[in-house]
Amino acid sequence: MNHGRYLSGLLLGIGLLFWAAIPRIERETTRIRLLTTVVVVGGLCRLLGVVLGDPLSPSVAGALAMELVVTPLLCLGQSRLRPRD
């Protein structure tokens, strides 16, 4: 179970870094893109697991939706907020 706690801690850290970007989100493009990349890569690995035979439970499907759809859409939305030079 120690490994599960470690991974939960990583997800918490990623979430806190996203949260910390909110006050200046229009200027946090690099941070948002980096965190989005990390989340999408994790989602792609989860999807690979499903393709290779892991069960697609409702919680896994929800996580995949957040990782591969919602997070990239939020990143796209943030890019529309950034100031133009």
N, C-alpha and C. Protein backbone atom coordinates (compact mmCIF):
# COMPACT_ATOMS: atom_id res chain seq x y z
N MET A 1 0.81 -1.20 0.00
CA MET A 1 0.00 0.00 0.00
C MET A 1 0.85 1.26 0.00
N ASN A 2 2.09 1.15 0.37
CA ASN A 2 2.99 2.30 0.40
C ASN A 2 3.09 2.94 -0.98
N HIS A 3 3.14 2.12 -2.03
CA HIS A 3 3.23 2.64 -3.39
C HIS A 3 1.97 3.44 -3.75
N GLY A 4 0.82 2.96 -3.32
CA GLY A 4 -0.43 3.67 -3.57
C GLY A 4 -0.44 5.04 -2.91
N ARG A 5 0.09 5.13 -1.69
CA ARG A 5 0.16 6.41 -0.99
C ARG A 5 1.11 7.36 -1.72
N TYR A 6 2.22 6.82 -2.20
CA TYR A 6 3.18 7.64 -2.94
C TYR A 6 2.52 8.23 -4.19
N LEU A 7 1.83 7.38 -4.95
CA LEU A 7 1.17 7.86 -6.17
C LEU A 7 0.06 8.85 -5.85
N SER A 8 -0.66 8.63 -4.76
CA SER A 8 -1.68 9.59 -4.34
C SER A 8 -1.05 10.92 -3.97
N GLY A 9 0.11 10.87 -3.35
CA GLY A 9 0.83 12.09 -3.02
C GLY A 9 1.27 12.85 -4.26
N LEU A 10 1.71 12.12 -5.28
CA LEU A 10 2.08 12.77 -6.54
C LEU A 10 0.87 13.46 -7.16
N LEU A 11 -0.26 12.79 -7.17
CA LEU A 11 -1.47 13.39 -7.72
C LEU A 11 -1.90 14.61 -6.92
N LEU A 12 -1.77 14.54 -5.61
CA LEU A 12 -2.08 15.69 -4.77
C LEU A 12 -1.15 16.86 -5.11
N GLY A 13 0.14 16.57 -5.28
CA GLY A 13 1.10 17.61 -5.64
C GLY A 13 0.76 18.26 -6.97
N ILE A 14 0.39 17.45 -7.95
CA ILE A 14 0.01 17.99 -9.26
C ILE A 14 -1.23 18.88 -9.11
N GLY A 15 -2.20 18.41 -8.36
CA GLY A 15 -3.41 19.21 -8.14
C GLY A 15 -3.11 20.52 -7.43
N LEU A 16 -2.24 20.49 -6.43
CA LEU A 16 -1.87 21.72 -5.72
C LEU A 16 -1.13 22.70 -6.63
N LEU A 17 -0.29 22.18 -7.51
CA LEU A 17 0.40 23.06 -8.46
C LEU A 17 -0.58 23.70 -9.44
N PHE A 18 -1.57 22.94 -9.91
CA PHE A 18 -2.62 23.53 -10.73
C PHE A 18 -3.34 24.62 -9.93
N TRP A 19 -3.73 24.30 -8.69
CA TRP A 19 -4.48 25.24 -7.85
C TRP A 19 -3.68 26.53 -7.62
N ALA A 20 -2.37 26.39 -7.38
CA ALA A 20 -1.52 27.56 -7.12
C ALA A 20 -1.42 28.47 -8.34
N ALA A 21 -1.68 27.94 -9.52
CA ALA A 21 -1.60 28.74 -10.74
C ALA A 21 -2.84 29.61 -10.97
N ILE A 22 -3.92 29.32 -10.25
CA ILE A 22 -5.19 30.01 -10.52
C ILE A 22 -5.11 31.53 -10.39
N PRO A 23 -4.50 32.08 -9.33
CA PRO A 23 -4.53 33.54 -9.20
C PRO A 23 -3.91 34.30 -10.39
N ARG A 24 -2.94 33.70 -11.05
CA ARG A 24 -2.29 34.34 -12.20
C ARG A 24 -2.36 33.41 -13.41
N ILE A 25 -3.48 32.77 -13.59
CA ILE A 25 -3.57 31.71 -14.60
C ILE A 25 -3.26 32.20 -16.01
N GLU A 26 -3.56 33.45 -16.28
CA GLU A 26 -3.28 33.96 -17.63
C GLU A 26 -1.78 34.05 -17.90
N ARG A 27 -0.97 34.02 -16.87
CA ARG A 27 0.50 34.10 -17.02
C ARG A 27 1.21 32.79 -16.71
N GLU A 28 0.47 31.74 -16.44
CA GLU A 28 1.04 30.46 -16.03
C GLU A 28 1.02 29.42 -17.15
N THR A 29 1.18 29.85 -18.38
CA THR A 29 1.09 28.94 -19.53
C THR A 29 2.09 27.79 -19.44
N THR A 30 3.33 28.09 -19.12
CA THR A 30 4.35 27.04 -19.06
C THR A 30 4.00 26.00 -18.01
N ARG A 31 3.61 26.46 -16.82
CA ARG A 31 3.27 25.52 -15.74
C ARG A 31 2.06 24.67 -16.13
N ILE A 32 1.02 25.31 -16.66
CA ILE A 32 -0.20 24.58 -17.03
C ILE A 32 0.11 23.56 -18.11
N ARG A 33 0.89 23.92 -19.10
CA ARG A 33 1.22 22.97 -20.17
C ARG A 33 2.06 21.80 -19.65
N LEU A 34 3.01 22.09 -18.78
CA LEU A 34 3.84 21.02 -18.21
C LEU A 34 2.98 20.06 -17.38
N LEU A 35 2.15 20.59 -16.50
CA LEU A 35 1.29 19.73 -15.68
C LEU A 35 0.30 18.96 -16.53
N THR A 36 -0.24 19.60 -17.56
CA THR A 36 -1.16 18.90 -18.46
C THR A 36 -0.45 17.75 -19.16
N THR A 37 0.78 17.96 -19.58
CA THR A 37 1.55 16.90 -20.23
C THR A 37 1.73 15.71 -19.29
N VAL A 38 2.06 15.99 -18.03
CA VAL A 38 2.23 14.92 -17.05
C VAL A 38 0.92 14.14 -16.87
N VAL A 39 -0.19 14.86 -16.76
CA VAL A 39 -1.48 14.21 -16.56
C VAL A 39 -1.87 13.38 -17.79
N VAL A 40 -1.66 13.93 -18.99
CA VAL A 40 -2.02 13.21 -20.22
C VAL A 40 -1.16 11.96 -20.39
N VAL A 41 0.13 12.06 -20.11
CA VAL A 41 0.99 10.87 -20.21
C VAL A 41 0.51 9.80 -19.24
N GLY A 42 0.15 10.20 -18.02
CA GLY A 42 -0.41 9.23 -17.07
C GLY A 42 -1.70 8.61 -17.59
N GLY A 43 -2.54 9.43 -18.20
CA GLY A 43 -3.79 8.92 -18.77
C GLY A 43 -3.55 7.96 -19.92
N LEU A 44 -2.57 8.26 -20.74
CA LEU A 44 -2.24 7.35 -21.85
C LEU A 44 -1.74 6.02 -21.32
N CYS A 45 -0.97 6.04 -20.24
CA CYS A 45 -0.51 4.79 -19.62
C CYS A 45 -1.69 4.02 -19.03
N ARG A 46 -2.63 4.74 -18.42
CA ARG A 46 -3.82 4.07 -17.89
C ARG A 46 -4.62 3.45 -19.03
N LEU A 47 -4.77 4.19 -20.14
CA LEU A 47 -5.49 3.68 -21.31
C LEU A 47 -4.80 2.45 -21.88
N LEU A 48 -3.48 2.47 -21.93
CA LEU A 48 -2.73 1.30 -22.39
C LEU A 48 -3.05 0.08 -21.52
N GLY A 49 -3.13 0.31 -20.21
CA GLY A 49 -3.49 -0.78 -19.31
C GLY A 49 -4.84 -1.38 -19.66
N VAL A 50 -5.80 -0.52 -19.97
CA VAL A 50 -7.15 -1.00 -20.34
C VAL A 50 -7.07 -1.79 -21.64
N VAL A 51 -6.33 -1.27 -22.61
CA VAL A 51 -6.18 -1.96 -23.89
C VAL A 51 -5.53 -3.33 -23.69
N LEU A 52 -4.62 -3.42 -22.74
CA LEU A 52 -3.92 -4.67 -22.48
C LEU A 52 -4.68 -5.62 -21.56
N GLY A 53 -5.88 -5.20 -21.10
CA GLY A 53 -6.70 -6.13 -20.34
C GLY A 53 -7.12 -5.71 -18.96
N ASP A 54 -6.64 -4.56 -18.46
CA ASP A 54 -7.14 -4.10 -17.16
C ASP A 54 -8.63 -3.81 -17.28
N PRO A 55 -9.38 -4.05 -16.22
CA PRO A 55 -10.83 -3.80 -16.30
C PRO A 55 -11.14 -2.30 -16.40
N LEU A 56 -12.15 -1.98 -17.20
CA LEU A 56 -12.60 -0.60 -17.36
C LEU A 56 -13.78 -0.38 -16.42
N SER A 57 -13.47 -0.09 -15.17
CA SER A 57 -14.50 0.18 -14.17
C SER A 57 -14.97 1.63 -14.32
N PRO A 58 -16.07 1.98 -13.69
CA PRO A 58 -16.53 3.38 -13.76
C PRO A 58 -15.48 4.37 -13.23
N SER A 59 -14.74 4.00 -12.20
CA SER A 59 -13.72 4.92 -11.68
C SER A 59 -12.56 5.08 -12.66
N VAL A 60 -12.19 4.02 -13.34
CA VAL A 60 -11.13 4.11 -14.35
C VAL A 60 -11.61 4.95 -15.54
N ALA A 61 -12.85 4.73 -15.97
CA ALA A 61 -13.40 5.52 -17.08
C ALA A 61 -13.45 7.00 -16.71
N GLY A 62 -13.84 7.30 -15.48
CA GLY A 62 -13.87 8.69 -15.03
C GLY A 62 -12.49 9.32 -15.00
N ALA A 63 -11.53 8.56 -14.51
CA ALA A 63 -10.16 9.06 -14.48
C ALA A 63 -9.64 9.31 -15.89
N LEU A 64 -9.93 8.38 -16.81
CA LEU A 64 -9.51 8.56 -18.20
C LEU A 64 -10.14 9.82 -18.81
N ALA A 65 -11.40 10.04 -18.52
CA ALA A 65 -12.08 11.24 -19.04
C ALA A 65 -11.41 12.50 -18.52
N MET A 66 -11.09 12.52 -17.23
CA MET A 66 -10.43 13.70 -16.65
C MET A 66 -9.03 13.89 -17.23
N GLU A 67 -8.29 12.80 -17.39
CA GLU A 67 -6.90 12.88 -17.82
C GLU A 67 -6.76 13.17 -19.31
N LEU A 68 -7.66 12.61 -20.12
CA LEU A 68 -7.48 12.71 -21.57
C LEU A 68 -8.43 13.69 -22.25
N VAL A 69 -9.43 14.18 -21.52
CA VAL A 69 -10.38 15.13 -22.12
C VAL A 69 -10.43 16.44 -21.34
N VAL A 70 -10.78 16.36 -20.06
CA VAL A 70 -11.01 17.57 -19.27
C VAL A 70 -9.72 18.38 -19.09
N THR A 71 -8.64 17.74 -18.68
CA THR A 71 -7.39 18.47 -18.44
C THR A 71 -6.87 19.14 -19.72
N PRO A 72 -6.83 18.44 -20.87
CA PRO A 72 -6.41 19.14 -22.09
C PRO A 72 -7.34 20.30 -22.47
N LEU A 73 -8.64 20.14 -22.24
CA LEU A 73 -9.56 21.25 -22.53
C LEU A 73 -9.31 22.44 -21.62
N LEU A 74 -9.00 22.19 -20.36
CA LEU A 74 -8.65 23.29 -19.46
C LEU A 74 -7.36 23.98 -19.91
N CYS A 75 -6.40 23.21 -20.37
CA CYS A 75 -5.15 23.78 -20.88
C CYS A 75 -5.43 24.65 -22.10
N LEU A 76 -6.26 24.16 -22.98
CA LEU A 76 -6.63 24.92 -24.17
C LEU A 76 -7.34 26.22 -23.76
N GLY A 77 -8.23 26.13 -22.79
CA GLY A 77 -8.92 27.32 -22.30
C GLY A 77 -7.96 28.33 -21.68
N GLN A 78 -6.97 27.83 -20.94
CA GLN A 78 -5.99 28.72 -20.33
C GLN A 78 -5.20 29.45 -21.40
N SER A 79 -4.88 28.78 -22.49
CA SER A 79 -4.08 29.42 -23.54
C SER A 79 -4.84 30.59 -24.18
N ARG A 80 -6.15 30.56 -24.09
CA ARG A 80 -6.95 31.67 -24.63
C ARG A 80 -6.96 32.86 -23.68
N LEU A 81 -6.58 32.65 -22.40
CA LEU A 81 -6.54 33.73 -21.42
C LEU A 81 -5.24 34.49 -21.41
N ARG A 82 -4.18 33.87 -21.90
CA ARG A 82 -2.86 34.50 -21.79
C ARG A 82 -2.82 35.80 -22.57
N PRO A 83 -2.05 36.75 -22.04
CA PRO A 83 -1.97 38.05 -22.71
C PRO A 83 -1.23 37.94 -24.05
N ARG A 84 -1.65 38.69 -24.99
CA ARG A 84 -1.00 38.72 -26.30
C ARG A 84 0.07 39.80 -26.30
N ASP A 85 1.21 39.48 -26.87
CA ASP A 85 2.31 40.48 -26.95
C ASP A 85 2.13 41.41 -28.12
